[in-house]
C-alpha atoms as a PDB file:
ATOM      1  CA  MET A   1     -19.164 -11.140 -15.333  1.00  0.00           C
ATOM      2  CA  SER A   2     -16.676  -8.340 -17.278  1.00  0.00           C
ATOM      3  CA  ASP A   3     -13.667  -7.032 -15.755  1.00  0.00           C
ATOM      4  CA  SER A   4     -15.119  -3.919 -15.532  1.00  0.00           C
ATOM      5  CA  ASP A   5     -17.785  -5.286 -12.813  1.00  0.00           C
ATOM      6  CA  HIS A   6     -14.412  -7.192 -10.996  1.00  0.00           C
ATOM      7  CA  PRO A   7     -11.404  -5.254 -11.286  1.00  0.00           C
ATOM      8  CA  ILE A   8      -8.461  -7.098 -10.215  1.00  0.00           C
ATOM      9  CA  VAL A   9      -4.532  -7.017  -9.707  1.00  0.00           C
ATOM     10  CA  GLU A  10      -2.999 -10.346 -11.168  1.00  0.00           C
ATOM     11  CA  GLU A  11       1.290 -11.109 -10.769  1.00  0.00           C
ATOM     12  CA  ARG A  12       3.181 -11.914 -13.718  1.00  0.00           C
ATOM     13  CA  LYS A  13       6.036 -14.339 -12.122  1.00  0.00           C
ATOM     14  CA  ASP A  14       9.096 -12.310 -12.062  1.00  0.00           C
ATOM     15  CA  GLY A  15       7.304  -9.726 -13.957  1.00  0.00           C
ATOM     16  CA  PRO A  16       4.827  -6.992 -14.131  1.00  0.00           C
ATOM     17  CA  LEU A  17       1.700  -6.057 -12.449  1.00  0.00           C
ATOM     18  CA  VAL A  18      -1.307  -7.105 -14.393  1.00  0.00           C
ATOM     19  CA  VAL A  19      -4.430  -4.431 -13.702  1.00  0.00           C
ATOM     20  CA  LYS A  20      -7.838  -5.075 -15.512  1.00  0.00           C
ATOM     21  CA  GLY A  21     -11.238  -3.382 -14.775  1.00  0.00           C
ATOM     22  CA  ILE A  22     -10.106  -0.482 -12.284  1.00  0.00           C
ATOM     23  CA  ARG A  23     -11.759   2.471 -13.396  1.00  0.00           C
ATOM     24  CA  SER A  24      -9.533   5.237 -11.657  1.00  0.00           C
ATOM     25  CA  MET A  25      -5.980   5.769 -11.564  1.00  0.00           C
ATOM     26  CA  THR A  26      -4.206   9.124 -10.157  1.00  0.00           C
ATOM     27  CA  GLY A  27      -0.612   9.771 -10.993  1.00  0.00           C
ATOM     28  CA  ALA A  28       2.351  10.764  -8.729  1.00  0.00           C
ATOM     29  CA  GLU A  29       1.371  14.664  -9.580  1.00  0.00           C
ATOM     30  CA  GLY A  30      -2.158  14.101  -8.720  1.00  0.00           C
ATOM     31  CA  ALA A  31      -3.979  14.015 -12.090  1.00  0.00           C
ATOM     32  CA  ALA A  32      -6.167  11.762 -13.212  1.00  0.00           C
ATOM     33  CA  VAL A  33      -4.816   8.899 -15.491  1.00  0.00           C
ATOM     34  CA  ASP A  34      -6.464   7.481 -18.270  1.00  0.00           C
ATOM     35  CA  VAL A  35      -6.906   3.524 -18.084  1.00  0.00           C
ATOM     36  CA  LYS A  36      -7.404   0.980 -20.121  1.00  0.00           C
ATOM     37  CA  PRO A  37      -9.542  -1.935 -19.737  1.00  0.00           C
ATOM     38  CA  VAL A  38      -6.058  -3.901 -19.301  1.00  0.00           C
ATOM     39  CA  MET A  39      -2.684  -2.517 -18.124  1.00  0.00           C
ATOM     40  CA  ALA A  40       0.530  -3.792 -17.131  1.00  0.00           C
ATOM     41  CA  LEU A  41       2.444  -1.569 -14.585  1.00  0.00           C
ATOM     42  CA  CYS A  42       6.101  -1.891 -14.049  1.00  0.00           C
ATOM     43  CA  ARG A  43       7.081  -3.077 -10.372  1.00  0.00           C
ATOM     44  CA  CYS A  44      10.272  -4.202 -11.081  1.00  0.00           C
ATOM     45  CA  GLY A  45      11.663  -0.058 -10.501  1.00  0.00           C
ATOM     46  CA  GLU A  46      13.234  -0.244 -13.935  1.00  0.00           C
ATOM     47  CA  SER A  47      10.826   0.726 -16.479  1.00  0.00           C
ATOM     48  CA  LYS A  48      11.645   4.279 -18.466  1.00  0.00           C
ATOM     49  CA  ASN A  49       7.956   4.383 -19.321  1.00  0.00           C
ATOM     50  CA  LYS A  50       6.386   4.168 -15.842  1.00  0.00           C
ATOM     51  CA  PRO A  51       3.980   3.605 -14.308  1.00  0.00           C
ATOM     52  CA  TYR A  52       3.656   1.087 -17.305  1.00  0.00           C
ATOM     53  CA  CYS A  53       5.892  -1.923 -18.007  1.00  0.00           C
ATOM     54  CA  ASP A  54       8.581  -1.694 -21.121  1.00  0.00           C
ATOM     55  CA  GLY A  55       9.940  -5.081 -20.868  1.00  0.00           C
ATOM     56  CA  SER A  56      12.751  -4.074 -18.622  1.00  0.00           C
ATOM     57  CA  HIS A  57      12.497  -6.528 -15.759  1.00  0.00           C
ATOM     58  CA  LYS A  58      13.845  -9.125 -18.143  1.00  0.00           C
ATOM     59  CA  ASP A  59      16.951  -7.042 -18.232  1.00  0.00           C
ATOM     60  CA  ALA A  60      17.028  -6.086 -14.471  1.00  0.00           C
ATOM     61  CA  GLY A  61      16.886 -10.180 -13.145  1.00  0.00           C
ATOM     62  CA  PHE A  62      13.837  -8.963 -11.336  1.00  0.00           C
ATOM     63  CA  GLN A  63      12.366 -12.104  -9.386  1.00  0.00           C
ATOM     64  CA  SER A  64       8.821 -11.776  -7.662  1.00  0.00           C
ATOM     65  CA  ARG A  65       9.639 -12.616  -4.215  1.00  0.00           C
ATOM     66  CA  GLY A  66      12.779 -12.675  -2.024  1.00  0.00           C
ATOM     67  CA  GLY A  67      14.453 -10.948   0.584  1.00  0.00           C
ATOM     68  CA  THR A  68      13.498  -9.533   4.285  1.00  0.00           C
ATOM     69  CA  PRO A  69      10.300  -8.003   5.060  1.00  0.00           C
ATOM     70  CA  ALA A  70      10.879  -5.379   7.024  1.00  0.00           C
ATOM     71  CA  GLY A  71       8.518  -6.133   9.921  1.00  0.00           C
ATOM     72  CA  ARG A  72       7.159  -8.520  11.503  1.00  0.00           C
ATOM     73  CA  ASP A  73       3.272 -10.478  11.158  1.00  0.00           C
ATOM     74  CA  ARG A  74       1.745  -9.858  14.332  1.00  0.00           C
ATOM     75  CA  LEU A  75      -1.091  -7.585  15.455  1.00  0.00           C
ATOM     76  CA  ILE A  76      -0.485  -5.245  17.970  1.00  0.00           C
ATOM     77  CA  SER A  77      -3.439  -3.733  20.103  1.00  0.00           C
ATOM     78  CA  TYR A  78      -3.150  -0.058  21.493  1.00  0.00           C
ATOM     79  CA  GLU A  79      -6.408   0.438  23.618  1.00  0.00           C
ATOM     80  CA  GLY A  80      -7.379   3.681  24.417  1.00  0.00           C
ATOM     81  CA  SER A  81     -10.645   4.402  26.700  1.00  0.00           C
ATOM     82  CA  ASP A  82     -12.790   5.351  23.617  1.00  0.00           C
ATOM     83  CA  VAL A  83     -11.506   3.166  20.748  1.00  0.00           C
ATOM     84  CA  THR A  84      -8.684   0.914  20.223  1.00  0.00           C
ATOM     85  CA  VAL A  85      -5.949   0.556  17.209  1.00  0.00           C
ATOM     86  CA  THR A  86      -4.746  -2.304  15.983  1.00  0.00           C
ATOM     87  CA  TYR A  87      -1.325  -2.292  13.693  1.00  0.00           C
ATOM     88  CA  ASN A  88       0.793  -5.152  12.012  1.00  0.00           C
ATOM     89  CA  PRO A  89       3.970  -3.849  11.260  1.00  0.00           C
ATOM     90  CA  LEU A  90       4.480  -6.455   8.221  1.00  0.00           C
ATOM     91  CA  LEU A  91       1.524  -4.570   6.260  1.00  0.00           C
ATOM     92  CA  CYS A  92       2.674  -1.265   6.894  1.00  0.00           C
ATOM     93  CA  SER A  93       4.392   0.641   3.777  1.00  0.00           C
ATOM     94  CA  HIS A  94       5.762   3.672   6.157  1.00  0.00           C
ATOM     95  CA  ALA A  95       3.699   6.360   3.767  1.00  0.00           C
ATOM     96  CA  ALA A  96       3.501   8.502   6.952  1.00  0.00           C
ATOM     97  CA  GLU A  97      -0.026   9.715   6.396  1.00  0.00           C
ATOM     98  CA  CYS A  98      -0.834   8.284  10.381  1.00  0.00           C
ATOM     99  CA  GLY A  99       2.090  11.030  11.444  1.00  0.00           C
ATOM    100  CA  ARG A 100       0.930  13.632   8.909  1.00  0.00           C
ATOM    101  CA  LEU A 101      -2.433  13.818  10.062  1.00  0.00           C
ATOM    102  CA  ALA A 102      -2.534  13.052  13.701  1.00  0.00           C
ATOM    103  CA  SER A 103       1.045  13.300  14.697  1.00  0.00           C
ATOM    104  CA  HIS A 104       0.036  14.139  18.466  1.00  0.00           C
ATOM    105  CA  ILE A 105      -1.573  10.339  18.544  1.00  0.00           C
ATOM    106  CA  PHE A 106       0.880   8.397  16.258  1.00  0.00           C
ATOM    107  CA  ASP A 107       4.278   9.393  16.524  1.00  0.00           C
ATOM    108  CA  PRO A 108       7.116   6.950  16.651  1.00  0.00           C
ATOM    109  CA  ALA A 109       9.320   8.634  19.145  1.00  0.00           C
ATOM    110  CA  GLN A 110       6.726   8.396  21.737  1.00  0.00           C
ATOM    111  CA  LYS A 111       6.228   4.927  23.473  1.00  0.00           C
ATOM    112  CA  PRO A 112       3.786   3.570  22.769  1.00  0.00           C
ATOM    113  CA  TRP A 113       3.919   5.229  19.533  1.00  0.00           C
ATOM    114  CA  VAL A 114       0.157   5.046  19.488  1.00  0.00           C
ATOM    115  CA  GLN A 115      -1.722   6.652  21.970  1.00  0.00           C
ATOM    116  CA  PRO A 116      -5.380   6.837  21.102  1.00  0.00           C
ATOM    117  CA  ASP A 117      -6.574   9.099  23.844  1.00  0.00           C
ATOM    118  CA  ASN A 118      -3.826  11.694  23.099  1.00  0.00           C
ATOM    119  CA  GLY A 119      -6.516  12.608  20.354  1.00  0.00           C
ATOM    120  CA  THR A 120     -10.779  12.240  19.742  1.00  0.00           C
ATOM    121  CA  ARG A 121     -12.307   9.004  18.347  1.00  0.00           C
ATOM    122  CA  THR A 122     -12.612  11.256  14.749  1.00  0.00           C
ATOM    123  CA  GLU A 123      -9.387  11.849  14.760  1.00  0.00           C
ATOM    124  CA  VAL A 124      -8.120   8.127  15.126  1.00  0.00           C
ATOM    125  CA  GLU A 125     -11.064   7.405  12.363  1.00  0.00           C
ATOM    126  CA  ALA A 126      -9.690   9.706  10.107  1.00  0.00           C
ATOM    127  CA  VAL A 127      -6.440   8.082  10.206  1.00  0.00           C
ATOM    128  CA  VAL A 128      -7.101   4.756   9.660  1.00  0.00           C
ATOM    129  CA  ALA A 129      -9.151   5.321   6.616  1.00  0.00           C
ATOM    130  CA  ALA A 130      -6.768   6.986   5.153  1.00  0.00           C
ATOM    131  CA  CYS A 131      -4.130   5.038   6.090  1.00  0.00           C
ATOM    132  CA  PRO A 132      -3.355   3.394   2.373  1.00  0.00           C
ATOM    133  CA  SER A 133      -2.027  -0.667   4.083  1.00  0.00           C
ATOM    134  CA  GLY A 134      -4.530  -1.570   6.268  1.00  0.00           C
ATOM    135  CA  ALA A 135      -1.726  -1.849   8.273  1.00  0.00           C
ATOM    136  CA  LEU A 136      -3.807   0.430  10.966  1.00  0.00           C
ATOM    137  CA  ALA A 137      -7.398  -0.550  12.038  1.00  0.00           C
ATOM    138  CA  LEU A 138      -9.888  -0.277  14.508  1.00  0.00           C
ATOM    139  CA  ASP A 139     -10.312  -3.305  16.839  1.00  0.00           C
ATOM    140  CA  GLY A 140     -11.535  -6.503  15.288  1.00  0.00           C
ATOM    141  CA  PRO A 141     -10.159  -5.198  12.955  1.00  0.00           C
ATOM    142  CA  LYS A 142     -12.355  -2.853  11.072  1.00  0.00           C
ATOM    143  CA  HIS A 143     -11.114  -1.205   8.445  1.00  0.00           C
ATOM    144  CA  LEU A 144     -12.120   1.847   6.908  1.00  0.00           C
ATOM    145  CA  TYR A 145     -11.564   3.479   3.682  1.00  0.00           C
ATOM    146  CA  ALA A 146     -11.112   6.818   2.459  1.00  0.00           C
ATOM    147  CA  ASP A 147     -12.935   8.089  -0.449  1.00  0.00           C
ATOM    148  CA  ARG A 148      -9.736   8.267  -3.236  1.00  0.00           C
ATOM    149  CA  ALA A 149      -8.936   6.425  -6.881  1.00  0.00           C
ATOM    150  CA  GLU A 150      -8.131   2.683  -7.036  1.00  0.00           C
ATOM    151  CA  ILE A 151      -4.650   3.037  -7.790  1.00  0.00           C
ATOM    152  CA  ILE A 152      -2.472   6.158  -6.617  1.00  0.00           C
ATOM    153  CA  ILE A 153       0.418   6.018  -7.704  1.00  0.00           C
ATOM    154  CA  GLU A 154       3.099   7.681  -5.115  1.00  0.00           C
ATOM    155  CA  ARG A 155       5.987   9.931  -6.447  1.00  0.00           C
ATOM    156  CA  ASN A 156       9.370   8.025  -5.715  1.00  0.00           C
ATOM    157  CA  GLY A 157       6.758   5.015  -3.799  1.00  0.00           C
ATOM    158  CA  PRO A 158       4.407   2.699  -4.346  1.00  0.00           C
ATOM    159  CA  TYR A 159       0.916   1.879  -5.857  1.00  0.00           C
ATOM    160  CA  TRP A 160      -1.802   2.555  -3.216  1.00  0.00           C
ATOM    161  CA  VAL A 161      -4.943   0.401  -4.248  1.00  0.00           C
ATOM    162  CA  LYS A 162      -8.650   0.633  -2.824  1.00  0.00           C
ATOM    163  CA  GLY A 163     -11.342  -1.739  -3.976  1.00  0.00           C
ATOM    164  CA  VAL A 164      -9.612  -3.637  -6.483  1.00  0.00           C
ATOM    165  CA  GLU A 165      -9.125  -7.754  -5.500  1.00  0.00           C
ATOM    166  CA  LEU A 166      -5.622  -9.048  -5.282  1.00  0.00           C
ATOM    167  CA  ALA A 167      -5.180 -12.490  -7.344  1.00  0.00           C
ATOM    168  CA  GLU A 168      -3.298 -13.966  -4.603  1.00  0.00           C
ATOM    169  CA  PRO A 169      -3.758 -12.340  -1.521  1.00  0.00           C
ATOM    170  CA  SER A 170      -1.710 -11.576   1.793  1.00  0.00           C
ATOM    171  CA  LEU A 171      -2.461 -14.135   4.449  1.00  0.00           C
ATOM    172  CA  ALA A 172      -1.017 -11.680   6.994  1.00  0.00           C
ATOM    173  CA  GLU A 173      -2.935 -10.844  10.003  1.00  0.00           C
ATOM    174  CA  GLY A 174      -5.961  -8.679  10.101  1.00  0.00           C
ATOM    175  CA  ALA A 175      -4.921  -7.243   6.393  1.00  0.00           C
ATOM    176  CA  SER A 176      -7.648  -6.060   4.171  1.00  0.00           C
ATOM    177  CA  GLY A 177      -9.167  -7.441   1.013  1.00  0.00           C
ATOM    178  CA  ARG A 178      -9.691  -3.730  -0.292  1.00  0.00           C
ATOM    179  CA  LYS A 179      -6.483  -1.506   0.508  1.00  0.00           C
ATOM    180  CA  TYR A 180      -2.923  -2.719   0.120  1.00  0.00           C
ATOM    181  CA  VAL A 181      -0.119  -1.012  -0.902  1.00  0.00           C
ATOM    182  CA  LEU A 182       2.228  -2.383  -3.756  1.00  0.00           C
ATOM    183  CA  CYS A 183       5.910  -2.662  -4.492  1.00  0.00           C
ATOM    184  CA  ARG A 184       6.965  -0.395  -7.469  1.00  0.00           C
ATOM    185  CA  CYS A 185      10.495  -0.149  -6.701  1.00  0.00           C
ATOM    186  CA  GLY A 186      11.599  -4.058  -7.016  1.00  0.00           C
ATOM    187  CA  LYS A 187      13.399  -3.972  -3.603  1.00  0.00           C
ATOM    188  CA  SER A 188      10.941  -4.902  -1.362  1.00  0.00           C
ATOM    189  CA  GLY A 189      11.275  -7.501   1.019  1.00  0.00           C
ATOM    190  CA  ASN A 190       7.586  -8.469   1.133  1.00  0.00           C
ATOM    191  CA  LYS A 191       6.579  -8.313  -2.584  1.00  0.00           C
ATOM    192  CA  PRO A 192       4.161  -7.808  -4.068  1.00  0.00           C
ATOM    193  CA  TYR A 193       4.162  -5.663  -1.013  1.00  0.00           C
ATOM    194  CA  CYS A 194       5.472  -2.399  -0.164  1.00  0.00           C
ATOM    195  CA  ASP A 195       7.695  -2.463   3.251  1.00  0.00           C
ATOM    196  CA  GLY A 196       8.773   0.939   2.413  1.00  0.00           C
ATOM    197  CA  THR A 197      12.251  -0.393   1.406  1.00  0.00           C
ATOM    198  CA  HIS A 198      12.620   2.664  -1.138  1.00  0.00           C
ATOM    199  CA  ARG A 199      12.424   5.143   1.479  1.00  0.00           C
ATOM    200  CA  ASP A 200      15.403   3.834   2.451  1.00  0.00           C
ATOM    201  CA  ALA A 201      17.018   2.996  -0.766  1.00  0.00           C
ATOM    202  CA  GLY A 202      16.188   6.489  -2.071  1.00  0.00           C
ATOM    203  CA  TRP A 203      14.544   5.123  -5.070  1.00  0.00           C
ATOM    204  CA  LYS A 204      12.913   7.927  -7.569  1.00  0.00           C
ATOM    205  CA  SER A 205      10.465   6.662  -9.701  1.00  0.00           C
ATOM    206  CA  ASP A 206      12.553   9.327 -12.424  1.00  0.00           C
ATOM    207  CA  ASP A 207      15.760   7.493 -13.022  1.00  0.00           C
END
């Protein structure tokens, strides 16, 4: 089987993410990015050639692990009359797609923050599909997937990955092996996954 038949993301210890065999990648400005059979993507946040690695992780003293995750590994259920949503805080990258698409259902200012009966099943399913990290799912957990590039580079944020195997996947409860979000700033407490720290740190990809 060739790399193109089996796209994969591999971690290099204290180094970049090596991506093999992907067919599509979208840049931070929304335009398609040319892909190569093998690419080394920066995850220390210091490369001067982002999204590609330029070796800056060595001078930066980047470490593949370390820190405290922003969320706990637990599966929380939010039951509605027609649909139940599950959520794992450990997986959440705080991309806020849920609030953007359906703030009447997904609103951190309300308790509980997910109220499925405030909207339709169709709206809930659209949000679950749009969630890039797989933190949100339907009861099961059952993951839904949006139609998008295999890797999307979020502006001033992480890599959104869909349909590409991670060589050493998460053991988090309810995690999806087909969609997840990988840290690009080097500051996450849940590496290789993003935990939203880039927002709190004010990280900018142009720095």
